[in-house]
């Protein structure tokens, strides 16, 4: 006997795309996490550069360095 109920066929077709939907959600979450890691790494790197520059400026501006140069 044939199943002529339209909604049961619709549910069967809709169920096939569940894997694709899960894949898209997982991909979006991973993309967001990856972007957050890249941004966090960039901010950390910039912070380390600023610390290095500040240390070098403090060394250059110290009295000992000025006495050695003069």
PDB file of N, CA and C in Angstrom:
ATOM      1  N   UNK A   1       0.839  -1.167   0.000  1.00  0.00           N
ATOM      2  CA  UNK A   1       0.000   0.000   0.000  1.00  0.00           C
ATOM      3  C   UNK A   1       0.890   1.239   0.000  1.00  0.00           C
ATOM      4  N   UNK A   2       0.447   2.247  -0.705  1.00  0.00           N
ATOM      5  CA  UNK A   2       1.229   3.467  -0.842  1.00  0.00           C
ATOM      6  C   UNK A   2       0.897   4.439   0.286  1.00  0.00           C
ATOM      7  N   UNK A   3       1.936   5.155   0.722  1.00  0.00           N
ATOM      8  CA  UNK A   3       1.742   6.179   1.744  1.00  0.00           C
ATOM      9  C   UNK A   3       1.470   7.495   1.024  1.00  0.00           C
ATOM     10  N   UNK A   4       0.238   7.951   1.089  1.00  0.00           N
ATOM     11  CA  UNK A   4      -0.122   9.168   0.366  1.00  0.00           C
ATOM     12  C   UNK A   4      -0.189  10.380   1.292  1.00  0.00           C
ATOM     13  N   UNK A   5       0.289  10.209   2.509  1.00  0.00           N
ATOM     14  CA  UNK A   5       0.293  11.327   3.439  1.00  0.00           C
ATOM     15  C   UNK A   5       1.466  12.240   3.076  1.00  0.00           C
ATOM     16  N   UNK A   6       1.172  13.463   2.673  1.00  0.00           N
ATOM     17  CA  UNK A   6       2.206  14.408   2.227  1.00  0.00           C
ATOM     18  C   UNK A   6       3.177  14.737   3.359  1.00  0.00           C
ATOM     19  N   UNK A   7       2.662  14.895   4.557  1.00  0.00           N
ATOM     20  CA  UNK A   7       3.508  15.322   5.664  1.00  0.00           C
ATOM     21  C   UNK A   7       4.510  14.251   6.065  1.00  0.00           C
ATOM     22  N   UNK A   8       4.180  12.998   5.920  1.00  0.00           N
ATOM     23  CA  UNK A   8       5.150  11.951   6.247  1.00  0.00           C
ATOM     24  C   UNK A   8       6.297  11.965   5.234  1.00  0.00           C
ATOM     25  N   UNK A   9       6.004  12.245   3.983  1.00  0.00           N
ATOM     26  CA  UNK A   9       7.056  12.356   2.967  1.00  0.00           C
ATOM     27  C   UNK A   9       7.906  13.592   3.250  1.00  0.00           C
ATOM     28  N   UNK A  10       7.256  14.683   3.653  1.00  0.00           N
ATOM     29  CA  UNK A  10       7.986  15.918   3.970  1.00  0.00           C
ATOM     30  C   UNK A  10       8.940  15.691   5.144  1.00  0.00           C
ATOM     31  N   UNK A  11       8.486  14.957   6.155  1.00  0.00           N
ATOM     32  CA  UNK A  11       9.343  14.670   7.305  1.00  0.00           C
ATOM     33  C   UNK A  11      10.534  13.816   6.894  1.00  0.00           C
ATOM     34  N   UNK A  12      10.310  12.863   6.002  1.00  0.00           N
ATOM     35  CA  UNK A  12      11.411  12.010   5.549  1.00  0.00           C
ATOM     36  C   UNK A  12      12.441  12.832   4.778  1.00  0.00           C
ATOM     37  N   UNK A  13      11.984  13.731   3.913  1.00  0.00           N
ATOM     38  CA  UNK A  13      12.912  14.571   3.155  1.00  0.00           C
ATOM     39  C   UNK A  13      13.638  15.541   4.080  1.00  0.00           C
ATOM     40  N   UNK A  14      12.939  16.067   5.056  1.00  0.00           N
ATOM     41  CA  UNK A  14      13.534  17.020   5.977  1.00  0.00           C
ATOM     42  C   UNK A  14      14.584  16.335   6.851  1.00  0.00           C
ATOM     43  N   UNK A  15      14.391  15.104   7.184  1.00  0.00           N
ATOM     44  CA  UNK A  15      15.330  14.372   8.022  1.00  0.00           C
ATOM     45  C   UNK A  15      16.663  14.132   7.342  1.00  0.00           C
ATOM     46  N   UNK A  16      16.687  14.082   6.020  1.00  0.00           N
ATOM     47  CA  UNK A  16      17.933  13.834   5.299  1.00  0.00           C
ATOM     48  C   UNK A  16      18.888  15.017   5.406  1.00  0.00           C
ATOM     49  N   UNK A  17      18.369  16.210   5.549  1.00  0.00           N
ATOM     50  CA  UNK A  17      19.229  17.390   5.598  1.00  0.00           C
ATOM     51  C   UNK A  17      19.745  17.678   7.006  1.00  0.00           C
ATOM     52  N   UNK A  18      19.425  16.830   7.972  1.00  0.00           N
ATOM     53  CA  UNK A  18      19.862  17.059   9.345  1.00  0.00           C
ATOM     54  C   UNK A  18      21.382  16.976   9.452  1.00  0.00           C
ATOM     55  N   UNK A  19      21.987  16.058   8.736  1.00  0.00           N
ATOM     56  CA  UNK A  19      23.444  15.946   8.757  1.00  0.00           C
ATOM     57  C   UNK A  19      24.120  17.185   8.211  1.00  0.00           C
ATOM     58  N   UNK A  20      23.566  17.740   7.160  1.00  0.00           N
ATOM     59  CA  UNK A  20      24.112  18.966   6.581  1.00  0.00           C
ATOM     60  C   UNK A  20      23.970  20.126   7.562  1.00  0.00           C
ATOM     61  N   UNK A  21      22.841  20.192   8.230  1.00  0.00           N
ATOM     62  CA  UNK A  21      22.614  21.254   9.207  1.00  0.00           C
ATOM     63  C   UNK A  21      23.613  21.143  10.363  1.00  0.00           C
ATOM     64  N   UNK A  22      23.854  19.942  10.846  1.00  0.00           N
ATOM     65  CA  UNK A  22      24.830  19.734  11.919  1.00  0.00           C
ATOM     66  C   UNK A  22      26.219  20.131  11.436  1.00  0.00           C
ATOM     67  N   UNK A  23      26.563  19.759  10.212  1.00  0.00           N
ATOM     68  CA  UNK A  23      27.869  20.114   9.658  1.00  0.00           C
ATOM     69  C   UNK A  23      28.035  21.626   9.577  1.00  0.00           C
ATOM     70  N   UNK A  24      27.010  22.325   9.127  1.00  0.00           N
ATOM     71  CA  UNK A  24      27.086  23.785   9.005  1.00  0.00           C
ATOM     72  C   UNK A  24      27.229  24.433  10.381  1.00  0.00           C
ATOM     73  N   UNK A  25      26.499  23.941  11.366  1.00  0.00           N
ATOM     74  CA  UNK A  25      26.590  24.500  12.719  1.00  0.00           C
ATOM     75  C   UNK A  25      27.975  24.263  13.304  1.00  0.00           C
ATOM     76  N   UNK A  26      28.493  23.049  13.162  1.00  0.00           N
ATOM     77  CA  UNK A  26      29.832  22.741  13.677  1.00  0.00           C
ATOM     78  C   UNK A  26      30.877  23.579  12.951  1.00  0.00           C
ATOM     79  N   UNK A  27      30.738  23.715  11.646  1.00  0.00           N
ATOM     80  CA  UNK A  27      31.681  24.521  10.869  1.00  0.00           C
ATOM     81  C   UNK A  27      31.648  25.980  11.312  1.00  0.00           C
ATOM     82  N   UNK A  28      30.459  26.518  11.552  1.00  0.00           N
ATOM     83  CA  UNK A  28      30.338  27.912  11.995  1.00  0.00           C
ATOM     84  C   UNK A  28      30.969  28.101  13.372  1.00  0.00           C
ATOM     85  N   UNK A  29      30.745  27.155  14.272  1.00  0.00           N
ATOM     86  CA  UNK A  29      31.336  27.250  15.611  1.00  0.00           C
ATOM     87  C   UNK A  29      32.851  27.190  15.527  1.00  0.00           C
ATOM     88  N   UNK A  30      33.380  26.269  14.731  1.00  0.00           N
ATOM     89  CA  UNK A  30      34.834  26.172  14.579  1.00  0.00           C
ATOM     90  C   UNK A  30      35.410  27.430  13.938  1.00  0.00           C
ATOM     91  N   UNK A  31      34.704  28.005  13.000  1.00  0.00           N
ATOM     92  CA  UNK A  31      35.160  29.237  12.360  1.00  0.00           C
ATOM     93  C   UNK A  31      35.213  30.388  13.366  1.00  0.00           C
ATOM     94  N   UNK A  32      34.202  30.485  14.210  1.00  0.00           N
ATOM     95  CA  UNK A  32      34.186  31.533  15.235  1.00  0.00           C
ATOM     96  C   UNK A  32      35.323  31.333  16.227  1.00  0.00           C
ATOM     97  N   UNK A  33      35.540  30.091  16.664  1.00  0.00           N
ATOM     98  CA  UNK A  33      36.629  29.804  17.605  1.00  0.00           C
ATOM     99  C   UNK A  33      37.975  30.096  16.960  1.00  0.00           C
ATOM    100  N   UNK A  34      38.147  29.710  15.710  1.00  0.00           N
ATOM    101  CA  UNK A  34      39.409  29.950  15.001  1.00  0.00           C
ATOM    102  C   UNK A  34      39.688  31.447  14.890  1.00  0.00           C
ATOM    103  N   UNK A  35      38.669  32.223  14.550  1.00  0.00           N
ATOM    104  CA  UNK A  35      38.842  33.676  14.463  1.00  0.00           C
ATOM    105  C   UNK A  35      39.173  34.277  15.825  1.00  0.00           C
ATOM    106  N   UNK A  36      38.539  33.776  16.884  1.00  0.00           N
ATOM    107  CA  UNK A  36      38.835  34.278  18.228  1.00  0.00           C
ATOM    108  C   UNK A  36      40.276  33.972  18.616  1.00  0.00           C
ATOM    109  N   UNK A  37      40.764  32.783  18.259  1.00  0.00           N
ATOM    110  CA  UNK A  37      42.153  32.421  18.565  1.00  0.00           C
ATOM    111  C   UNK A  37      43.113  33.313  17.789  1.00  0.00           C
ATOM    112  N   UNK A  38      42.821  33.575  16.540  1.00  0.00           N
ATOM    113  CA  UNK A  38      43.694  34.442  15.739  1.00  0.00           C
ATOM    114  C   UNK A  38      43.716  35.860  16.318  1.00  0.00           C
ATOM    115  N   UNK A  39      42.564  36.392  16.681  1.00  0.00           N
ATOM    116  CA  UNK A  39      42.505  37.739  17.253  1.00  0.00           C
ATOM    117  C   UNK A  39      43.229  37.780  18.596  1.00  0.00           C
ATOM    118  N   UNK A  40      42.993  36.782  19.437  1.00  0.00           N
ATOM    119  CA  UNK A  40      43.679  36.731  20.728  1.00  0.00           C
ATOM    120  C   UNK A  40      45.180  36.617  20.568  1.00  0.00           C
ATOM    121  N   UNK A  41      45.625  35.792  19.632  1.00  0.00           N
ATOM    122  CA  UNK A  41      47.062  35.664  19.376  1.00  0.00           C
ATOM    123  C   UNK A  41      47.665  36.957  18.871  1.00  0.00           C
ATOM    124  N   UNK A  42      46.952  37.649  18.016  1.00  0.00           N
ATOM    125  CA  UNK A  42      47.435  38.932  17.511  1.00  0.00           C
ATOM    126  C   UNK A  42      47.551  39.966  18.614  1.00  0.00           C
ATOM    127  N   UNK A  43      46.555  40.025  19.483  1.00  0.00           N
ATOM    128  CA  UNK A  43      46.615  40.968  20.601  1.00  0.00           C
ATOM    129  C   UNK A  43      47.755  40.623  21.553  1.00  0.00           C
ATOM    130  N   UNK A  44      47.956  39.332  21.805  1.00  0.00           N
ATOM    131  CA  UNK A  44      49.062  38.900  22.665  1.00  0.00           C
ATOM    132  C   UNK A  44      50.400  39.274  22.044  1.00  0.00           C
ATOM    133  N   UNK A  45      50.541  39.070  20.745  1.00  0.00           N
ATOM    134  CA  UNK A  45      51.784  39.394  20.050  1.00  0.00           C
ATOM    135  C   UNK A  45      52.061  40.898  20.090  1.00  0.00           C
ATOM    136  N   UNK A  46      51.033  41.705  19.854  1.00  0.00           N
ATOM    137  CA  UNK A  46      51.194  43.161  19.900  1.00  0.00           C
ATOM    138  C   UNK A  46      51.581  43.604  21.308  1.00  0.00           C
ATOM    139  N   UNK A  47      50.967  42.991  22.316  1.00  0.00           N
ATOM    140  CA  UNK A  47      51.299  43.322  23.700  1.00  0.00           C
ATOM    141  C   UNK A  47      52.759  42.986  24.001  1.00  0.00           C
ATOM    142  N   UNK A  48      53.234  41.841  23.519  1.00  0.00           N
ATOM    143  CA  UNK A  48      54.636  41.466  23.733  1.00  0.00           C
ATOM    144  C   UNK A  48      55.571  42.436  23.015  1.00  0.00           C
ATOM    145  N   UNK A  49      55.213  42.876  21.817  1.00  0.00           N
ATOM    146  CA  UNK A  49      56.030  43.856  21.101  1.00  0.00           C
ATOM    147  C   UNK A  49      56.102  45.179  21.861  1.00  0.00           C
ATOM    148  N   UNK A  50      54.968  45.626  22.382  1.00  0.00           N
ATOM    149  CA  UNK A  50      54.952  46.880  23.139  1.00  0.00           C
ATOM    150  C   UNK A  50      55.810  46.778  24.394  1.00  0.00           C
ATOM    151  N   UNK A  51      55.774  45.627  25.064  1.00  0.00           N
ATOM    152  CA  UNK A  51      56.626  45.439  26.243  1.00  0.00           C
ATOM    153  C   UNK A  51      58.098  45.482  25.859  1.00  0.00           C
ATOM    154  N   UNK A  52      58.442  44.836  24.771  1.00  0.00           N
ATOM    155  CA  UNK A  52      59.833  44.847  24.310  1.00  0.00           C
ATOM    156  C   UNK A  52      60.305  46.241  23.956  1.00  0.00           C
ATOM    157  N   UNK A  53      59.459  46.999  23.285  1.00  0.00           N
ATOM    158  CA  UNK A  53      59.810  48.377  22.922  1.00  0.00           C
ATOM    159  C   UNK A  53      59.979  49.225  24.181  1.00  0.00           C
ATOM    160  N   UNK A  54      59.087  49.053  25.152  1.00  0.00           N
ATOM    161  CA  UNK A  54      59.181  49.826  26.396  1.00  0.00           C
ATOM    162  C   UNK A  54      60.470  49.486  27.148  1.00  0.00           C
ATOM    163  N   UNK A  55      60.848  48.197  27.172  1.00  0.00           N
ATOM    164  CA  UNK A  55      62.096  47.805  27.839  1.00  0.00           C
ATOM    165  C   UNK A  55      63.305  48.415  27.139  1.00  0.00           C
ATOM    166  N   UNK A  56      63.299  48.414  25.826  1.00  0.00           N
ATOM    167  CA  UNK A  56      64.424  48.986  25.075  1.00  0.00           C
ATOM    168  C   UNK A  56      64.508  50.495  25.267  1.00  0.00           C
ATOM    169  N   UNK A  57      63.364  51.160  25.301  1.00  0.00           N
ATOM    170  CA  UNK A  57      63.364  52.606  25.543  1.00  0.00           C
ATOM    171  C   UNK A  57      63.863  52.916  26.948  1.00  0.00           C
ATOM    172  N   UNK A  58      63.467  52.094  27.923  1.00  0.00           N
ATOM    173  CA  UNK A  58      63.944  52.303  29.290  1.00  0.00           C
ATOM    174  C   UNK A  58      65.451  52.094  29.361  1.00  0.00           C
ATOM    175  N   UNK A  59      65.968  51.111  28.633  1.00  0.00           N
ATOM    176  CA  UNK A  59      67.414  50.876  28.613  1.00  0.00           C
ATOM    177  C   UNK A  59      68.150  52.052  27.975  1.00  0.00           C
ATOM    178  N   UNK A  60      67.620  52.552  26.869  1.00  0.00           N
ATOM    179  CA  UNK A  60      68.265  53.673  26.175  1.00  0.00           C
ATOM    180  C   UNK A  60      68.225  54.933  27.035  1.00  0.00           C
ATOM    181  N   UNK A  61      67.127  55.161  27.733  1.00  0.00           N
ATOM    182  CA  UNK A  61      66.965  56.381  28.525  1.00  0.00           C
ATOM    183  C   UNK A  61      67.558  56.275  29.930  1.00  0.00           C
ATOM    184  N   UNK A  62      68.132  55.136  30.285  1.00  0.00           N
ATOM    185  CA  UNK A  62      68.697  54.993  31.631  1.00  0.00           C
ATOM    186  C   UNK A  62      69.976  55.815  31.764  1.00  0.00           C
ATOM    187  N   UNK A  63      70.279  56.162  32.995  1.00  0.00           N
ATOM    188  CA  UNK A  63      71.469  56.976  33.270  1.00  0.00           C
ATOM    189  C   UNK A  63      72.752  56.208  32.959  1.00  0.00           C
ATOM    190  N   UNK A  64      72.769  54.914  33.224  1.00  0.00           N
ATOM    191  CA  UNK A  64      73.966  54.105  32.955  1.00  0.00           C
ATOM    192  C   UNK A  64      74.304  54.108  31.467  1.00  0.00           C
ATOM    193  N   UNK A  65      73.300  53.965  30.630  1.00  0.00           N
ATOM    194  CA  UNK A  65      73.537  53.956  29.189  1.00  0.00           C
ATOM    195  C   UNK A  65      74.012  55.325  28.717  1.00  0.00           C
ATOM    196  N   UNK A  66      73.419  56.375  29.252  1.00  0.00           N
ATOM    197  CA  UNK A  66      73.839  57.731  28.869  1.00  0.00           C
ATOM    198  C   UNK A  66      75.280  57.996  29.309  1.00  0.00           C
ATOM    199  N   UNK A  67      75.668  57.474  30.485  1.00  0.00           N
ATOM    200  CA  UNK A  67      77.051  57.641  30.948  1.00  0.00           C
ATOM    201  C   UNK A  67      78.025  56.861  30.078  1.00  0.00           C
ATOM    202  N   UNK A  68      77.622  55.668  29.634  1.00  0.00           N
ATOM    203  CA  UNK A  68      78.496  54.862  28.772  1.00  0.00           C
ATOM    204  C   UNK A  68      78.693  55.527  27.412  1.00  0.00           C
ATOM    205  N   UNK A  69      77.648  56.154  26.907  1.00  0.00           N
ATOM    206  CA  UNK A  69      77.736  56.800  25.595  1.00  0.00           C
ATOM    207  C   UNK A  69      78.587  58.064  25.688  1.00  0.00           C
ATOM    208  N   UNK A  70      78.427  58.828  26.747  1.00  0.00           N
ATOM    209  CA  UNK A  70      79.135  60.108  26.882  1.00  0.00           C
ATOM    210  C   UNK A  70      80.568  59.962  27.275  1.00  0.00           C
TER     211      UNK A  70
END
